[in-house]
Amino acid sequence: MLTVRATKKLLRLAGPSTARDDDRGTTLLGPWYATVLFWRPRIVLLVNEMTLLPVLLPMAPAATLTSRIAEQISTALTVHQAPATFVDQERRHMQNVQLGVTANRSVVGVMTEFTRLAQIHHHDDPTVDLVELMVLLAATPCSPLYSRNASPDRELAATLQAITT
């Protein structure tokens, strides 16, 4: 079970909250946080609570959003060279997705910063691919990670090393 903690804006578009406040899901990376970017077309920004890894995917069609999240997270993990066995295991746990309300203000703050940075990159090059943009954002230093690995891509690598060894 994947728990996605969504902002009120996204919940209005994607569906009601079904997760309890204490639900963490069964994925090894834990809950993901999500918001909507009101670009044309609309984009969903997901941020992992543990690693702060950003993932972007198209919002439309909103009715199938939760069923498409697992595939895009798997793509992001693969791009960041996660072991295939780990990606497959996470994908199996992400087959069921439940939406909940945000609970970690620090992650929401990081999402806000990623939203601003994504907007700048998108404005500078509107043709930038979502996967390329995810990689750019993942290399951004984030203050919650300063005492550990500084950026989400490095934090993910350290987390994967700890999990898989």
Protein backbone atom coordinates (compact mmCIF):
# COMPACT_ATOMS: atom_id res chain seq x y z
CA MET A 1 0.00 0.00 0.00
CA LEU A 2 1.33 3.41 -0.99
CA THR A 3 0.25 6.40 1.07
CA VAL A 4 0.24 9.73 -0.76
CA ARG A 5 -0.17 12.80 1.44
CA ALA A 6 -1.78 15.37 -0.87
CA THR A 7 -2.35 19.09 -0.58
CA LYS A 8 -5.92 20.37 -0.44
CA LYS A 9 -5.60 21.62 -4.04
CA LEU A 10 -4.72 18.16 -5.28
CA LEU A 11 -7.34 16.39 -3.15
CA ARG A 12 -10.04 18.61 -4.71
CA LEU A 13 -8.96 17.39 -8.16
CA ALA A 14 -7.94 13.78 -7.50
CA GLY A 15 -10.38 12.55 -4.91
CA PRO A 16 -11.12 12.49 -1.21
CA SER A 17 -8.72 11.54 1.56
CA THR A 18 -8.99 7.86 2.48
CA ALA A 19 -5.85 7.42 4.60
CA ARG A 20 -5.79 7.82 8.35
CA ASP A 21 -3.28 10.23 9.87
CA ASP A 22 -1.11 7.36 11.14
CA ASP A 23 -1.07 5.37 7.85
CA ARG A 24 2.48 5.01 6.49
CA GLY A 25 1.87 2.42 3.80
CA THR A 26 3.99 -0.66 3.19
CA THR A 27 6.65 0.72 0.85
CA LEU A 28 10.23 0.79 2.11
CA LEU A 29 10.55 4.47 1.19
CA GLY A 30 7.42 5.37 3.15
CA PRO A 31 4.84 8.02 2.30
CA TRP A 32 5.01 10.43 -0.60
CA TYR A 33 3.67 13.98 -0.57
CA ALA A 34 1.96 15.50 -3.60
CA THR A 35 0.71 18.78 -4.99
CA VAL A 36 -0.49 20.02 -8.35
CA LEU A 37 1.37 22.47 -10.58
CA PHE A 38 -1.11 24.51 -12.59
CA TRP A 39 0.83 24.40 -15.84
CA ARG A 40 -0.70 23.56 -19.19
CA PRO A 41 -1.08 20.63 -18.97
CA ARG A 42 -1.28 20.26 -15.18
CA ILE A 43 1.54 18.36 -13.51
CA VAL A 44 1.65 16.51 -10.18
CA LEU A 45 4.76 16.89 -8.04
CA LEU A 46 5.44 14.01 -5.64
CA VAL A 47 8.13 14.21 -2.93
CA ASN A 48 9.23 11.24 -0.86
CA GLU A 49 9.06 11.92 2.88
CA MET A 50 12.25 9.97 3.67
CA THR A 51 14.60 11.03 0.86
CA LEU A 52 12.84 14.16 -0.50
CA LEU A 53 13.19 12.66 -3.99
CA PRO A 54 10.95 14.60 -6.44
CA VAL A 55 8.81 12.88 -9.08
CA LEU A 56 6.72 14.61 -11.75
CA LEU A 57 3.85 13.20 -13.77
CA PRO A 58 0.96 14.56 -15.83
CA MET A 59 -2.25 15.13 -13.88
CA ALA A 60 -4.57 14.18 -16.73
CA PRO A 61 -6.61 12.15 -16.71
CA ALA A 62 -7.27 12.78 -13.01
CA ALA A 63 -9.41 9.66 -12.71
CA THR A 64 -6.36 7.46 -13.37
CA LEU A 65 -3.81 9.48 -11.40
CA THR A 66 -3.44 7.06 -8.49
CA SER A 67 -2.98 4.12 -10.85
CA ARG A 68 -0.16 5.93 -12.70
CA ILE A 69 1.85 7.03 -9.66
CA ALA A 70 3.60 3.68 -9.14
CA GLU A 71 4.92 3.60 -12.70
CA GLN A 72 6.34 7.12 -12.52
CA ILE A 73 7.98 6.53 -9.13
CA SER A 74 9.48 3.33 -10.57
CA THR A 75 10.82 5.34 -13.51
CA ALA A 76 12.40 7.86 -11.16
CA LEU A 77 13.99 5.13 -9.06
CA THR A 78 15.37 3.48 -12.20
CA VAL A 79 16.78 6.78 -13.47
CA HIS A 80 18.56 7.17 -10.13
CA GLN A 81 20.04 3.68 -10.57
CA ALA A 82 18.07 1.89 -7.88
CA PRO A 83 18.52 -1.90 -8.09
CA ALA A 84 15.88 -3.56 -10.26
CA THR A 85 14.86 -5.89 -7.42
CA PHE A 86 14.21 -2.88 -5.17
CA VAL A 87 12.18 -1.10 -7.87
CA ASP A 88 10.10 -4.24 -8.48
CA GLN A 89 9.46 -4.68 -4.76
CA GLU A 90 8.38 -1.06 -4.36
CA ARG A 91 6.13 -1.32 -7.43
CA ARG A 92 4.37 -4.36 -5.95
CA HIS A 93 3.74 -2.45 -2.73
CA MET A 94 2.46 0.56 -4.68
CA GLN A 95 -0.33 -1.29 -6.49
CA ASN A 96 -2.85 0.09 -4.00
CA VAL A 97 -2.71 3.84 -3.40
CA GLN A 98 -4.51 5.75 -0.71
CA LEU A 99 -4.68 9.53 -0.52
CA GLY A 100 -4.39 11.39 2.75
CA VAL A 101 -3.88 14.93 3.97
CA THR A 102 -0.41 16.36 4.49
CA ALA A 103 1.11 15.83 7.92
CA ASN A 104 4.77 16.93 7.69
CA ARG A 105 5.25 20.67 7.29
CA SER A 106 8.93 20.27 6.48
CA VAL A 107 8.16 18.13 3.42
CA VAL A 108 5.44 20.59 2.37
CA GLY A 109 8.07 23.35 2.55
CA VAL A 110 10.42 21.35 0.34
CA MET A 111 7.54 20.78 -2.11
CA THR A 112 7.01 24.55 -2.23
CA GLU A 113 10.69 25.09 -3.07
CA PHE A 114 10.64 22.37 -5.73
CA THR A 115 7.53 23.99 -7.21
CA ARG A 116 9.39 27.31 -7.54
CA LEU A 117 12.49 25.68 -9.02
CA ALA A 118 10.43 23.59 -11.45
CA GLN A 119 8.61 26.74 -12.57
CA ILE A 120 11.94 28.47 -13.25
CA HIS A 121 13.29 25.51 -15.25
CA HIS A 122 9.98 25.17 -17.13
CA HIS A 123 9.96 28.89 -17.93
CA ASP A 124 13.57 28.79 -19.17
CA ASP A 125 12.94 25.71 -21.34
CA PRO A 126 9.26 24.78 -21.82
CA THR A 127 10.29 21.69 -23.80
CA VAL A 128 12.18 20.16 -20.87
CA ASP A 129 11.16 16.55 -20.32
CA LEU A 130 9.58 15.69 -16.95
CA VAL A 131 12.23 13.03 -16.28
CA GLU A 132 15.03 15.53 -16.98
CA LEU A 133 13.33 18.02 -14.68
CA MET A 134 13.05 15.37 -11.93
CA VAL A 135 16.81 14.76 -12.18
CA LEU A 136 17.57 18.48 -12.01
CA LEU A 137 15.37 18.92 -8.94
CA ALA A 138 16.83 15.84 -7.25
CA ALA A 139 20.30 17.41 -7.30
CA THR A 140 19.07 20.46 -5.37
CA PRO A 141 20.45 20.83 -1.83
CA CYS A 142 17.61 20.73 0.73
CA SER A 143 18.01 22.05 4.27
CA PRO A 144 16.44 18.99 5.99
CA LEU A 145 19.23 16.92 4.37
CA TYR A 146 22.19 19.21 5.17
CA SER A 147 23.30 17.13 8.14
CA ARG A 148 23.14 13.94 6.04
CA ASN A 149 23.59 13.91 2.26
CA ALA A 150 22.54 17.44 1.19
CA SER A 151 20.43 16.54 -1.87
CA PRO A 152 17.63 14.05 -2.58
CA ASP A 153 19.62 12.09 -5.17
CA ARG A 154 22.45 11.53 -2.69
CA GLU A 155 20.01 10.76 0.12
CA LEU A 156 18.28 8.17 -2.08
CA ALA A 157 21.62 6.54 -2.92
CA ALA A 158 22.56 6.35 0.78
CA THR A 159 19.13 5.03 1.72
CA LEU A 160 19.24 2.37 -1.00
CA GLN A 161 22.69 1.31 0.11
CA ALA A 162 21.48 0.97 3.70
CA ILE A 163 18.35 -0.93 2.67
CA THR A 164 19.96 -3.31 0.18
CA THR A 165 23.04 -4.26 2.23
